[in-house]
Amino acid sequence: MANTNEGKIDKWPERAREVMSREGLTYDDLSESLGVATRGSVSHYFSGRRSLSAKQAVALADRLGCSVEWLLTGKTFADEQDNAAMMPEEITKLLQKTSPEVYLAVVSLVKELSKKK
């Protein structure tokens, strides 16, 4: 199966800059979210010299006020019609196929997100 996101993840800096421009944010404003001390370190992520970790992607998306999916792929939840129709049972079946670590991470993430309502 072909990866339809291939080539899209490396465009996350463009999407981040779009939000930064609209919100008036600078690299300095993002340094804490990325867990780095300087704007120069932030530029390493934006230039591709460093890769975002999953934790950094979540923190950056939160700081920018967008979803991780949109930041990394440019897609929104609504773009995926299959996602909109996915039932809890299907989600549970998919989660059961993952490692215990992934399962616990997803459950933890869902709990955190539900607190932000």
PDB file of N, CA and C in Angstrom:
ATOM      1  N   MET A   1       0.850  -1.183   0.000  1.00  0.00           N
ATOM      2  CA  MET A   1       0.000   0.000   0.000  1.00  0.00           C
ATOM      3  C   MET A   1       0.892   1.240   0.000  1.00  0.00           C
ATOM      4  N   ALA A   2       0.600   2.186  -0.831  1.00  0.00           N
ATOM      5  CA  ALA A   2       1.392   3.413  -0.948  1.00  0.00           C
ATOM      6  C   ALA A   2       1.103   4.330   0.230  1.00  0.00           C
ATOM      7  N   ASN A   3       2.123   5.023   0.672  1.00  0.00           N
ATOM      8  CA  ASN A   3       1.973   5.990   1.753  1.00  0.00           C
ATOM      9  C   ASN A   3       1.533   7.317   1.146  1.00  0.00           C
ATOM     10  N   THR A   4       0.285   7.689   1.385  1.00  0.00           N
ATOM     11  CA  THR A   4      -0.257   8.911   0.786  1.00  0.00           C
ATOM     12  C   THR A   4       0.266  10.164   1.468  1.00  0.00           C
ATOM     13  N   ASN A   5       0.908  10.015   2.633  1.00  0.00           N
ATOM     14  CA  ASN A   5       1.459  11.172   3.336  1.00  0.00           C
ATOM     15  C   ASN A   5       2.916  11.414   2.987  1.00  0.00           C
ATOM     16  N   GLU A   6       3.487  10.526   2.163  1.00  0.00           N
ATOM     17  CA  GLU A   6       4.891  10.679   1.808  1.00  0.00           C
ATOM     18  C   GLU A   6       5.108  12.047   1.168  1.00  0.00           C
ATOM     19  N   GLY A   7       6.100  12.748   1.640  1.00  0.00           N
ATOM     20  CA  GLY A   7       6.394  14.071   1.099  1.00  0.00           C
ATOM     21  C   GLY A   7       5.599  15.187   1.746  1.00  0.00           C
ATOM     22  N   LYS A   8       4.583  14.850   2.528  1.00  0.00           N
ATOM     23  CA  LYS A   8       3.771  15.886   3.168  1.00  0.00           C
ATOM     24  C   LYS A   8       4.299  16.256   4.542  1.00  0.00           C
ATOM     25  N   ILE A   9       4.850  15.268   5.249  1.00  0.00           N
ATOM     26  CA  ILE A   9       5.331  15.542   6.597  1.00  0.00           C
ATOM     27  C   ILE A   9       6.454  16.559   6.569  1.00  0.00           C
ATOM     28  N   ASP A  10       7.298  16.505   5.542  1.00  0.00           N
ATOM     29  CA  ASP A  10       8.406  17.454   5.484  1.00  0.00           C
ATOM     30  C   ASP A  10       7.939  18.870   5.179  1.00  0.00           C
ATOM     31  N   LYS A  11       6.665  19.059   4.937  1.00  0.00           N
ATOM     32  CA  LYS A  11       6.127  20.398   4.677  1.00  0.00           C
ATOM     33  C   LYS A  11       5.509  21.019   5.926  1.00  0.00           C
ATOM     34  N   TRP A  12       5.652  20.358   7.064  1.00  0.00           N
ATOM     35  CA  TRP A  12       5.069  20.915   8.284  1.00  0.00           C
ATOM     36  C   TRP A  12       5.594  22.319   8.585  1.00  0.00           C
ATOM     37  N   PRO A  13       6.870  22.631   8.300  1.00  0.00           N
ATOM     38  CA  PRO A  13       7.314  24.000   8.598  1.00  0.00           C
ATOM     39  C   PRO A  13       6.521  25.066   7.841  1.00  0.00           C
ATOM     40  N   GLU A  14       6.100  24.750   6.620  1.00  0.00           N
ATOM     41  CA  GLU A  14       5.295  25.713   5.851  1.00  0.00           C
ATOM     42  C   GLU A  14       3.975  25.984   6.556  1.00  0.00           C
ATOM     43  N   ARG A  15       3.338  24.905   7.034  1.00  0.00           N
ATOM     44  CA  ARG A  15       2.063  25.081   7.721  1.00  0.00           C
ATOM     45  C   ARG A  15       2.270  25.824   9.046  1.00  0.00           C
ATOM     46  N   ALA A  16       3.344  25.500   9.749  1.00  0.00           N
ATOM     47  CA  ALA A  16       3.630  26.186  11.014  1.00  0.00           C
ATOM     48  C   ALA A  16       3.879  27.671  10.768  1.00  0.00           C
ATOM     49  N   ARG A  17       4.642  27.980   9.729  1.00  0.00           N
ATOM     50  CA  ARG A  17       4.916  29.395   9.422  1.00  0.00           C
ATOM     51  C   ARG A  17       3.635  30.141   9.058  1.00  0.00           C
ATOM     52  N   GLU A  18       2.725  29.456   8.386  1.00  0.00           N
ATOM     53  CA  GLU A  18       1.434  30.062   8.030  1.00  0.00           C
ATOM     54  C   GLU A  18       0.707  30.512   9.299  1.00  0.00           C
ATOM     55  N   VAL A  19       0.651  29.625  10.295  1.00  0.00           N
ATOM     56  CA  VAL A  19      -0.007  29.965  11.557  1.00  0.00           C
ATOM     57  C   VAL A  19       0.787  31.038  12.295  1.00  0.00           C
ATOM     58  N   MET A  20       2.111  30.893  12.312  1.00  0.00           N
ATOM     59  CA  MET A  20       2.953  31.883  12.993  1.00  0.00           C
ATOM     60  C   MET A  20       2.724  33.276  12.421  1.00  0.00           C
ATOM     61  N   SER A  21       2.646  33.380  11.117  1.00  0.00           N
ATOM     62  CA  SER A  21       2.421  34.664  10.460  1.00  0.00           C
ATOM     63  C   SER A  21       1.069  35.243  10.856  1.00  0.00           C
ATOM     64  N   ARG A  22       0.058  34.395  10.814  1.00  0.00           N
ATOM     65  CA  ARG A  22      -1.295  34.832  11.143  1.00  0.00           C
ATOM     66  C   ARG A  22      -1.404  35.256  12.608  1.00  0.00           C
ATOM     67  N   GLU A  23      -0.710  34.542  13.499  1.00  0.00           N
ATOM     68  CA  GLU A  23      -0.815  34.803  14.937  1.00  0.00           C
ATOM     69  C   GLU A  23       0.280  35.726  15.471  1.00  0.00           C
ATOM     70  N   GLY A  24       1.209  36.115  14.610  1.00  0.00           N
ATOM     71  CA  GLY A  24       2.300  36.984  15.044  1.00  0.00           C
ATOM     72  C   GLY A  24       3.300  36.295  15.962  1.00  0.00           C
ATOM     73  N   LEU A  25       3.522  35.003  15.763  1.00  0.00           N
ATOM     74  CA  LEU A  25       4.449  34.236  16.598  1.00  0.00           C
ATOM     75  C   LEU A  25       5.841  34.196  15.975  1.00  0.00           C
ATOM     76  N   THR A  26       6.841  34.076  16.821  1.00  0.00           N
ATOM     77  CA  THR A  26       8.229  33.982  16.367  1.00  0.00           C
ATOM     78  C   THR A  26       8.829  32.650  16.825  1.00  0.00           C
ATOM     79  N   TYR A  27      10.035  32.364  16.335  1.00  0.00           N
ATOM     80  CA  TYR A  27      10.750  31.170  16.794  1.00  0.00           C
ATOM     81  C   TYR A  27      10.931  31.207  18.311  1.00  0.00           C
ATOM     82  N   ASP A  28      11.193  32.387  18.845  1.00  0.00           N
ATOM     83  CA  ASP A  28      11.338  32.517  20.302  1.00  0.00           C
ATOM     84  C   ASP A  28      10.078  32.053  21.020  1.00  0.00           C
ATOM     85  N   ASP A  29       8.917  32.352  20.444  1.00  0.00           N
ATOM     86  CA  ASP A  29       7.646  31.952  21.045  1.00  0.00           C
ATOM     87  C   ASP A  29       7.466  30.439  21.048  1.00  0.00           C
ATOM     88  N   LEU A  30       8.139  29.749  20.149  1.00  0.00           N
ATOM     89  CA  LEU A  30       7.972  28.298  20.018  1.00  0.00           C
ATOM     90  C   LEU A  30       9.038  27.495  20.748  1.00  0.00           C
ATOM     91  N   SER A  31      10.083  28.151  21.216  1.00  0.00           N
ATOM     92  CA  SER A  31      11.210  27.417  21.807  1.00  0.00           C
ATOM     93  C   SER A  31      10.802  26.566  23.004  1.00  0.00           C
ATOM     94  N   GLU A  32       9.969  27.083  23.870  1.00  0.00           N
ATOM     95  CA  GLU A  32       9.548  26.313  25.043  1.00  0.00           C
ATOM     96  C   GLU A  32       8.750  25.081  24.629  1.00  0.00           C
ATOM     97  N   SER A  33       7.867  25.225  23.647  1.00  0.00           N
ATOM     98  CA  SER A  33       7.072  24.089  23.178  1.00  0.00           C
ATOM     99  C   SER A  33       7.950  22.973  22.629  1.00  0.00           C
ATOM    100  N   LEU A  34       9.047  23.350  21.994  1.00  0.00           N
ATOM    101  CA  LEU A  34       9.955  22.356  21.423  1.00  0.00           C
ATOM    102  C   LEU A  34      10.982  21.869  22.439  1.00  0.00           C
ATOM    103  N   GLY A  35      11.000  22.492  23.603  1.00  0.00           N
ATOM    104  CA  GLY A  35      11.934  22.077  24.640  1.00  0.00           C
ATOM    105  C   GLY A  35      13.366  22.482  24.361  1.00  0.00           C
ATOM    106  N   VAL A  36      13.528  23.613  23.682  1.00  0.00           N
ATOM    107  CA  VAL A  36      14.869  24.120  23.380  1.00  0.00           C
ATOM    108  C   VAL A  36      14.989  25.541  23.920  1.00  0.00           C
ATOM    109  N   ALA A  37      16.230  26.008  24.032  1.00  0.00           N
ATOM    110  CA  ALA A  37      16.464  27.296  24.684  1.00  0.00           C
ATOM    111  C   ALA A  37      16.561  28.484  23.737  1.00  0.00           C
ATOM    112  N   THR A  38      16.900  28.236  22.479  1.00  0.00           N
ATOM    113  CA  THR A  38      17.159  29.374  21.594  1.00  0.00           C
ATOM    114  C   THR A  38      16.374  29.290  20.296  1.00  0.00           C
ATOM    115  N   ARG A  39      16.231  30.459  19.674  1.00  0.00           N
ATOM    116  CA  ARG A  39      15.554  30.504  18.369  1.00  0.00           C
ATOM    117  C   ARG A  39      16.384  29.769  17.330  1.00  0.00           C
ATOM    118  N   GLY A  40      17.706  29.750  17.503  1.00  0.00           N
ATOM    119  CA  GLY A  40      18.573  29.012  16.587  1.00  0.00           C
ATOM    120  C   GLY A  40      18.271  27.525  16.609  1.00  0.00           C
ATOM    121  N   SER A  41      18.000  27.008  17.804  1.00  0.00           N
ATOM    122  CA  SER A  41      17.637  25.593  17.924  1.00  0.00           C
ATOM    123  C   SER A  41      16.303  25.319  17.235  1.00  0.00           C
ATOM    124  N   VAL A  42      15.366  26.254  17.371  1.00  0.00           N
ATOM    125  CA  VAL A  42      14.068  26.109  16.700  1.00  0.00           C
ATOM    126  C   VAL A  42      14.278  26.062  15.191  1.00  0.00           C
ATOM    127  N   SER A  43      15.169  26.895  14.689  1.00  0.00           N
ATOM    128  CA  SER A  43      15.401  26.934  13.238  1.00  0.00           C
ATOM    129  C   SER A  43      15.936  25.605  12.713  1.00  0.00           C
ATOM    130  N   HIS A  44      16.623  24.838  13.560  1.00  0.00           N
ATOM    131  CA  HIS A  44      17.113  23.517  13.137  1.00  0.00           C
ATOM    132  C   HIS A  44      15.945  22.591  12.798  1.00  0.00           C
ATOM    133  N   TYR A  45      14.858  22.700  13.538  1.00  0.00           N
ATOM    134  CA  TYR A  45      13.673  21.883  13.250  1.00  0.00           C
ATOM    135  C   TYR A  45      13.003  22.360  11.960  1.00  0.00           C
ATOM    136  N   PHE A  46      12.895  23.663  11.815  1.00  0.00           N
ATOM    137  CA  PHE A  46      12.221  24.217  10.643  1.00  0.00           C
ATOM    138  C   PHE A  46      13.017  24.000   9.358  1.00  0.00           C
ATOM    139  N   SER A  47      14.321  23.892   9.470  1.00  0.00           N
ATOM    140  CA  SER A  47      15.155  23.683   8.280  1.00  0.00           C
ATOM    141  C   SER A  47      15.334  22.206   7.942  1.00  0.00           C
ATOM    142  N   GLY A  48      14.902  21.324   8.845  1.00  0.00           N
ATOM    143  CA  GLY A  48      15.037  19.893   8.591  1.00  0.00           C
ATOM    144  C   GLY A  48      16.327  19.287   9.114  1.00  0.00           C
ATOM    145  N   ARG A  49      17.168  20.078   9.761  1.00  0.00           N
ATOM    146  CA  ARG A  49      18.408  19.530  10.329  1.00  0.00           C
ATOM    147  C   ARG A  49      18.130  18.651  11.535  1.00  0.00           C
ATOM    148  N   ARG A  50      16.986  18.852  12.158  1.00  0.00           N
ATOM    149  CA  ARG A  50      16.531  18.018  13.265  1.00  0.00           C
ATOM    150  C   ARG A  50      15.098  17.609  12.982  1.00  0.00           C
ATOM    151  N   SER A  51      14.728  16.434  13.481  1.00  0.00           N
ATOM    152  CA  SER A  51      13.358  15.938  13.312  1.00  0.00           C
ATOM    153  C   SER A  51      12.574  16.135  14.600  1.00  0.00           C
ATOM    154  N   LEU A  52      11.296  16.444  14.439  1.00  0.00           N
ATOM    155  CA  LEU A  52      10.419  16.572  15.598  1.00  0.00           C
ATOM    156  C   LEU A  52      10.154  15.204  16.199  1.00  0.00           C
ATOM    157  N   SER A  53      10.142  15.129  17.522  1.00  0.00           N
ATOM    158  CA  SER A  53       9.672  13.914  18.187  1.00  0.00           C
ATOM    159  C   SER A  53       8.148  13.994  18.233  1.00  0.00           C
ATOM    160  N   ALA A  54       7.506  12.892  18.567  1.00  0.00           N
ATOM    161  CA  ALA A  54       6.043  12.899  18.682  1.00  0.00           C
ATOM    162  C   ALA A  54       5.606  13.890  19.761  1.00  0.00           C
ATOM    163  N   LYS A  55       6.333  13.898  20.871  1.00  0.00           N
ATOM    164  CA  LYS A  55       5.996  14.806  21.974  1.00  0.00           C
ATOM    165  C   LYS A  55       6.130  16.264  21.534  1.00  0.00           C
ATOM    166  N   GLN A  56       7.173  16.564  20.781  1.00  0.00           N
ATOM    167  CA  GLN A  56       7.369  17.934  20.293  1.00  0.00           C
ATOM    168  C   GLN A  56       6.281  18.320  19.299  1.00  0.00           C
ATOM    169  N   ALA A  57       5.885  17.388  18.443  1.00  0.00           N
ATOM    170  CA  ALA A  57       4.833  17.675  17.463  1.00  0.00           C
ATOM    171  C   ALA A  57       3.528  18.011  18.169  1.00  0.00           C
ATOM    172  N   VAL A  58       3.204  17.254  19.216  1.00  0.00           N
ATOM    173  CA  VAL A  58       1.979  17.518  19.979  1.00  0.00           C
ATOM    174  C   VAL A  58       2.065  18.883  20.657  1.00  0.00           C
ATOM    175  N   ALA A  59       3.199  19.175  21.292  1.00  0.00           N
ATOM    176  CA  ALA A  59       3.367  20.459  21.988  1.00  0.00           C
ATOM    177  C   ALA A  59       3.345  21.630  21.010  1.00  0.00           C
ATOM    178  N   LEU A  60       3.982  21.455  19.860  1.00  0.00           N
ATOM    179  CA  LEU A  60       4.009  22.525  18.861  1.00  0.00           C
ATOM    180  C   LEU A  60       2.611  22.783  18.307  1.00  0.00           C
ATOM    181  N   ALA A  61       1.892  21.721  17.980  1.00  0.00           N
ATOM    182  CA  ALA A  61       0.527  21.881  17.471  1.00  0.00           C
ATOM    183  C   ALA A  61      -0.350  22.577  18.507  1.00  0.00           C
ATOM    184  N   ASP A  62      -0.183  22.199  19.761  1.00  0.00           N
ATOM    185  CA  ASP A  62      -0.954  22.832  20.833  1.00  0.00           C
ATOM    186  C   ASP A  62      -0.633  24.323  20.910  1.00  0.00           C
ATOM    187  N   ARG A  63       0.648  24.676  20.831  1.00  0.00           N
ATOM    188  CA  ARG A  63       1.065  26.089  20.888  1.00  0.00           C
ATOM    189  C   ARG A  63       0.535  26.874  19.697  1.00  0.00           C
ATOM    190  N   LEU A  64       0.494  26.216  18.537  1.00  0.00           N
ATOM    191  CA  LEU A  64       0.013  26.883  17.327  1.00  0.00           C
ATOM    192  C   LEU A  64      -1.510  26.888  17.233  1.00  0.00           C
ATOM    193  N   GLY A  65      -2.169  26.094  18.079  1.00  0.00           N
ATOM    194  CA  GLY A  65      -3.628  26.039  18.060  1.00  0.00           C
ATOM    195  C   GLY A  65      -4.184  25.249  16.892  1.00  0.00           C
ATOM    196  N   CYS A  66      -3.455  24.215  16.483  1.00  0.00           N
ATOM    197  CA  CYS A  66      -3.921  23.376  15.378  1.00  0.00           C
ATOM    198  C   CYS A  66      -3.801  21.913  15.786  1.00  0.00           C
ATOM    199  N   SER A  67      -4.330  21.030  14.975  1.00  0.00           N
ATOM    200  CA  SER A  67      -4.202  19.605  15.273  1.00  0.00           C
ATOM    201  C   SER A  67      -2.839  19.102  14.810  1.00  0.00           C
ATOM    202  N   VAL A  68      -2.372  18.055  15.447  1.00  0.00           N
ATOM    203  CA  VAL A  68      -1.109  17.431  15.043  1.00  0.00           C
ATOM    204  C   VAL A  68      -1.244  16.902  13.620  1.00  0.00           C
ATOM    205  N   GLU A  69      -2.396  16.314  13.323  1.00  0.00           N
ATOM    206  CA  GLU A  69      -2.617  15.770  11.983  1.00  0.00           C
ATOM    207  C   GLU A  69      -2.478  16.864  10.926  1.00  0.00           C
ATOM    208  N   TRP A  70      -3.090  18.017  11.163  1.00  0.00           N
ATOM    209  CA  TRP A  70      -2.981  19.097  10.179  1.00  0.00           C
ATOM    210  C   TRP A  70      -1.544  19.589  10.078  1.00  0.00           C
ATOM    211  N   LEU A  71      -0.891  19.769  11.222  1.00  0.00           N
ATOM    212  CA  LEU A  71       0.486  20.257  11.206  1.00  0.00           C
ATOM    213  C   LEU A  71       1.384  19.326  10.395  1.00  0.00           C
ATOM    214  N   LEU A  72       1.265  18.026  10.616  1.00  0.00           N
ATOM    215  CA  LEU A  72       2.173  17.077   9.973  1.00  0.00           C
ATOM    216  C   LEU A  72       1.771  16.681   8.559  1.00  0.00           C
ATOM    217  N   THR A  73       0.468  16.666   8.263  1.00  0.00           N
ATOM    218  CA  THR A  73       0.034  16.167   6.946  1.00  0.00           C
ATOM    219  C   THR A  73      -0.742  17.173   6.118  1.00  0.00           C
ATOM    220  N   GLY A  74      -1.260  18.204   6.756  1.00  0.00           N
ATOM    221  CA  GLY A  74      -2.098  19.156   6.039  1.00  0.00           C
ATOM    222  C   GLY A  74      -3.552  18.734   5.965  1.00  0.00           C
ATOM    223  N   LYS A  75      -3.846  17.559   6.505  1.00  0.00           N
ATOM    224  CA  LYS A  75      -5.228  17.074   6.486  1.00  0.00           C
ATOM    225  C   LYS A  75      -5.907  17.383   7.808  1.00  0.00           C
ATOM    226  N   THR A  76      -7.204  17.567   7.720  1.00  0.00           N
ATOM    227  CA  THR A  76      -7.994  17.728   8.933  1.00  0.00           C
ATOM    228  C   THR A  76      -8.805  16.471   9.134  1.00  0.00           C
ATOM    229  N   PHE A  77      -9.345  16.321  10.322  1.00  0.00           N
ATOM    230  CA  PHE A  77     -10.157  15.142  10.615  1.00  0.00           C
ATOM    231  C   PHE A  77     -11.309  15.031   9.624  1.00  0.00           C
ATOM    232  N   ALA A  78     -11.895  16.161   9.264  1.00  0.00           N
ATOM    233  CA  ALA A  78     -13.021  16.161   8.332  1.00  0.00           C
ATOM    234  C   ALA A  78     -12.602  15.711   6.937  1.00  0.00           C
ATOM    235  N   ASP A  79     -11.307  15.857   6.601  1.00  0.00           N
ATOM    236  CA  ASP A  79     -10.824  15.418   5.293  1.00  0.00           C
ATOM    237  C   ASP A  79     -10.903  13.912   5.131  1.00  0.00           C
ATOM    238  N   GLU A  80     -10.881  13.207   6.229  1.00  0.00           N
ATOM    239  CA  GLU A  80     -10.889  11.751   6.199  1.00  0.00           C
ATOM    240  C   GLU A  80     -12.304  11.247   6.474  1.00  0.00           C
ATOM    241  N   GLN A  81     -13.066  11.001   5.427  1.00  0.00           N
ATOM    242  CA  GLN A  81     -14.444  10.554   5.609  1.00  0.00           C
ATOM    243  C   GLN A  81     -14.505   9.243   6.379  1.00  0.00           C
ATOM    244  N   ASP A  82     -13.516   8.389   6.183  1.00  0.00           N
ATOM    245  CA  ASP A  82     -13.490   7.133   6.917  1.00  0.00           C
ATOM    246  C   ASP A  82     -13.364   7.383   8.412  1.00  0.00           C
ATOM    247  N   ASN A  83     -12.589   8.376   8.792  1.00  0.00           N
ATOM    248  CA  ASN A  83     -12.430   8.686  10.209  1.00  0.00           C
ATOM    249  C   ASN A  83     -13.748   9.147  10.815  1.00  0.00           C
ATOM    250  N   ALA A  84     -14.498   9.933  10.070  1.00  0.00           N
ATOM    251  CA  ALA A  84     -15.763  10.450  10.581  1.00  0.00           C
ATOM    252  C   ALA A  84     -16.749   9.326  10.846  1.00  0.00           C
ATOM    253  N   ALA A  85     -16.662   8.270  10.057  1.00  0.00           N
ATOM    254  CA  ALA A  85     -17.595   7.160  10.200  1.00  0.00           C
ATOM    255  C   ALA A  85     -17.069   6.067  11.128  1.00  0.00           C
ATOM    256  N   MET A  86     -15.842   6.188  11.606  1.00  0.00           N
ATOM    257  CA  MET A  86     -15.248   5.141  12.425  1.00  0.00           C
ATOM    258  C   MET A  86     -15.975   5.033  13.757  1.00  0.00           C
ATOM    259  N   MET A  87     -16.357   3.830  14.081  1.00  0.00           N
ATOM    260  CA  MET A  87     -17.082   3.561  15.309  1.00  0.00           C
ATOM    261  C   MET A  87     -16.101   3.204  16.422  1.00  0.00           C
ATOM    262  N   PRO A  88     -16.496   3.409  17.675  1.00  0.00           N
ATOM    263  CA  PRO A  88     -15.613   3.064  18.791  1.00  0.00           C
ATOM    264  C   PRO A  88     -15.102   1.620  18.744  1.00  0.00           C
ATOM    265  N   GLU A  89     -15.946   0.704  18.271  1.00  0.00           N
ATOM    266  CA  GLU A  89     -15.523  -0.698  18.191  1.00  0.00           C
ATOM    267  C   GLU A  89     -14.358  -0.862  17.216  1.00  0.00           C
ATOM    268  N   GLU A  90     -14.405  -0.124  16.106  1.00  0.00           N
ATOM    269  CA  GLU A  90     -13.325  -0.200  15.119  1.00  0.00           C
ATOM    270  C   GLU A  90     -12.034   0.373  15.695  1.00  0.00           C
ATOM    271  N   ILE A  91     -12.173   1.453  16.421  1.00  0.00           N
ATOM    272  CA  ILE A  91     -11.001   2.066  17.046  1.00  0.00           C
ATOM    273  C   ILE A  91     -10.387   1.100  18.052  1.00  0.00           C
ATOM    274  N   THR A  92     -11.229   0.458  18.846  1.00  0.00           N
ATOM    275  CA  THR A  92     -10.747  -0.510  19.826  1.00  0.00           C
ATOM    276  C   THR A  92     -10.013  -1.656  19.149  1.00  0.00           C
ATOM    277  N   LYS A  93     -10.554  -2.160  18.051  1.00  0.00           N
ATOM    278  CA  LYS A  93      -9.895  -3.254  17.323  1.00  0.00           C
ATOM    279  C   LYS A  93      -8.526  -2.825  16.811  1.00  0.00           C
ATOM    280  N   LEU A  94      -8.439  -1.611  16.299  1.00  0.00           N
ATOM    281  CA  LEU A  94      -7.154  -1.113  15.814  1.00  0.00           C
ATOM    282  C   LEU A  94      -6.152  -0.969  16.958  1.00  0.00           C
ATOM    283  N   LEU A  95      -6.613  -0.463  18.082  1.00  0.00           N
ATOM    284  CA  LEU A  95      -5.726  -0.291  19.234  1.00  0.00           C
ATOM    285  C   LEU A  95      -5.223  -1.626  19.765  1.00  0.00           C
ATOM    286  N   GLN A  96      -6.054  -2.651  19.683  1.00  0.00           N
ATOM    287  CA  GLN A  96      -5.648  -3.965  20.177  1.00  0.00           C
ATOM    288  C   GLN A  96      -4.513  -4.557  19.350  1.00  0.00           C
ATOM    289  N   LYS A  97      -4.307  -4.054  18.162  1.00  0.00           N
ATOM    290  CA  LYS A  97      -3.233  -4.543  17.296  1.00  0.00           C
ATOM    291  C   LYS A  97      -1.902  -3.852  17.584  1.00  0.00           C
ATOM    292  N   THR A  98      -1.924  -2.843  18.449  1.00  0.00           N
ATOM    293  CA  THR A  98      -0.706  -2.086  18.737  1.00  0.00           C
ATOM    294  C   THR A  98       0.022  -2.684  19.937  1.00  0.00           C
ATOM    295  N   SER A  99       1.220  -2.208  20.167  1.00  0.00           N
ATOM    296  CA  SER A  99       1.992  -2.647  21.338  1.00  0.00           C
ATOM    297  C   SER A  99       1.347  -2.065  22.597  1.00  0.00           C
ATOM    298  N   PRO A 100       1.625  -2.658  23.753  1.00  0.00           N
ATOM    299  CA  PRO A 100       1.082  -2.110  25.003  1.00  0.00           C
ATOM    300  C   PRO A 100       1.503  -0.656  25.230  1.00  0.00           C
ATOM    301  N   GLU A 101       2.715  -0.314  24.821  1.00  0.00           N
ATOM    302  CA  GLU A 101       3.194   1.053  25.006  1.00  0.00           C
ATOM    303  C   GLU A 101       2.375   2.041  24.177  1.00  0.00           C
ATOM    304  N   VAL A 102       2.116   1.673  22.920  1.00  0.00           N
ATOM    305  CA  VAL A 102       1.328   2.541  22.040  1.00  0.00           C
ATOM    306  C   VAL A 102      -0.096   2.652  22.572  1.00  0.00           C
ATOM    307  N   TYR A 103      -0.668   1.525  22.976  1.00  0.00           N
ATOM    308  CA  TYR A 103      -2.025   1.515  23.515  1.00  0.00           C
ATOM    309  C   TYR A 103      -2.127   2.477  24.701  1.00  0.00           C
ATOM    310  N   LEU A 104      -1.193   2.367  25.650  1.00  0.00           N
ATOM    311  CA  LEU A 104      -1.226   3.235  26.831  1.00  0.00           C
ATOM    312  C   LEU A 104      -1.008   4.697  26.465  1.00  0.00           C
ATOM    313  N   ALA A 105      -0.146   4.956  25.490  1.00  0.00           N
ATOM    314  CA  ALA A 105       0.094   6.333  25.054  1.00  0.00           C
ATOM    315  C   ALA A 105      -1.166   6.938  24.446  1.00  0.00           C
ATOM    316  N   VAL A 106      -1.872   6.167  23.628  1.00  0.00           N
ATOM    317  CA  VAL A 106      -3.107   6.656  22.999  1.00  0.00           C
ATOM    318  C   VAL A 106      -4.176   6.905  24.060  1.00  0.00           C
ATOM    319  N   VAL A 107      -4.326   5.983  24.980  1.00  0.00           N
ATOM    320  CA  VAL A 107      -5.313   6.154  26.048  1.00  0.00           C
ATOM    321  C   VAL A 107      -4.987   7.401  26.867  1.00  0.00           C
ATOM    322  N   SER A 108      -3.723   7.586  27.193  1.00  0.00           N
ATOM    323  CA  SER A 108      -3.300   8.764  27.948  1.00  0.00           C
ATOM    324  C   SER A 108      -3.590  10.047  27.172  1.00  0.00           C
ATOM    325  N   LEU A 109      -3.293  10.041  25.875  1.00  0.00           N
ATOM    326  CA  LEU A 109      -3.548  11.211  25.034  1.00  0.00           C
ATOM    327  C   LEU A 109      -5.035  11.539  24.984  1.00  0.00           C
ATOM    328  N   VAL A 110      -5.870  10.527  24.819  1.00  0.00           N
ATOM    329  CA  VAL A 110      -7.324  10.746  24.757  1.00  0.00           C
ATOM    330  C   VAL A 110      -7.822  11.318  26.080  1.00  0.00           C
ATOM    331  N   LYS A 111      -7.309  10.805  27.183  1.00  0.00           N
ATOM    332  CA  LYS A 111      -7.714  11.337  28.490  1.00  0.00           C
ATOM    333  C   LYS A 111      -7.333  12.808  28.623  1.00  0.00           C
ATOM    334  N   GLU A 112      -6.119  13.157  28.207  1.00  0.00           N
ATOM    335  CA  GLU A 112      -5.672  14.551  28.273  1.00  0.00           C
ATOM    336  C   GLU A 112      -6.526  15.451  27.384  1.00  0.00           C
ATOM    337  N   LEU A 113      -6.807  14.980  26.174  1.00  0.00           N
ATOM    338  CA  LEU A 113      -7.608  15.780  25.246  1.00  0.00           C
ATOM    339  C   LEU A 113      -9.029  15.971  25.758  1.00  0.00           C
ATOM    340  N   SER A 114      -9.574  14.965  26.427  1.00  0.00           N
ATOM    341  CA  SER A 114     -10.945  15.089  26.933  1.00  0.00           C
ATOM    342  C   SER A 114     -11.030  16.106  28.068  1.00  0.00           C
ATOM    343  N   LYS A 115      -9.926  16.365  28.739  1.00  0.00           N
ATOM    344  CA  LYS A 115      -9.900  17.378  29.801  1.00  0.00           C
ATOM    345  C   LYS A 115      -9.957  18.791  29.238  1.00  0.00           C
ATOM    346  N   LYS A 116      -9.590  18.959  27.965  1.00  0.00           N
ATOM    347  CA  LYS A 116      -9.496  20.287  27.351  1.00  0.00           C
ATOM    348  C   LYS A 116     -10.811  20.763  26.756  1.00  0.00           C
ATOM    349  N   LYS A 117     -11.880  20.049  26.949  1.00  0.00           N
ATOM    350  CA  LYS A 117     -13.173  20.436  26.374  1.00  0.00           C
ATOM    351  C   LYS A 117     -13.607  21.777  26.821  1.00  0.00           C
TER     352      LYS A 117
END
